[in-house]
């Protein structure tokens, strides 16, 4: 049998780890009363809790296409977590901001995210964790662009 078939490849482990992380986030967020966690929520909410953002800035912050950012924002709007308003100074600009429900949800999601990160930091050697972060950042910055 080929070694590639007997040993998990980096991409396989990366994809499976991401799915495990998302499932655990969703499970913990549900336990706190929110049963509709989506994979893009944590990153989107980490930006939006800072205040209203133009959709274009939000697109850059997420590192996704305008279409993908609109889809993320649309999901937040559908769940009454965010609003999109026309900028008073430029009618072509759309401003995204959290609703009061969105701010409460963001607090829960960020609390769970901090908890998971703290747990990881207590179970993994700091040097290994930093090396892992380095590799993942390299992959993020150098593939799929």
Foldseek 3Di string as FASTA:
>chain_A
DDPPVVDDDPVRVVVVVLVVVQVQLQVQLVVVPDNDDDSCLQQLLVVQVVDKDWLVVSCVSSVHDSVVSVVVLVVCVVVQQWDWDQDPVHNVIIIIHGDPVNNVSNVSSVVSVVVVVVVVPVVDDPVVVVVVVVVVVCCVVPPDD
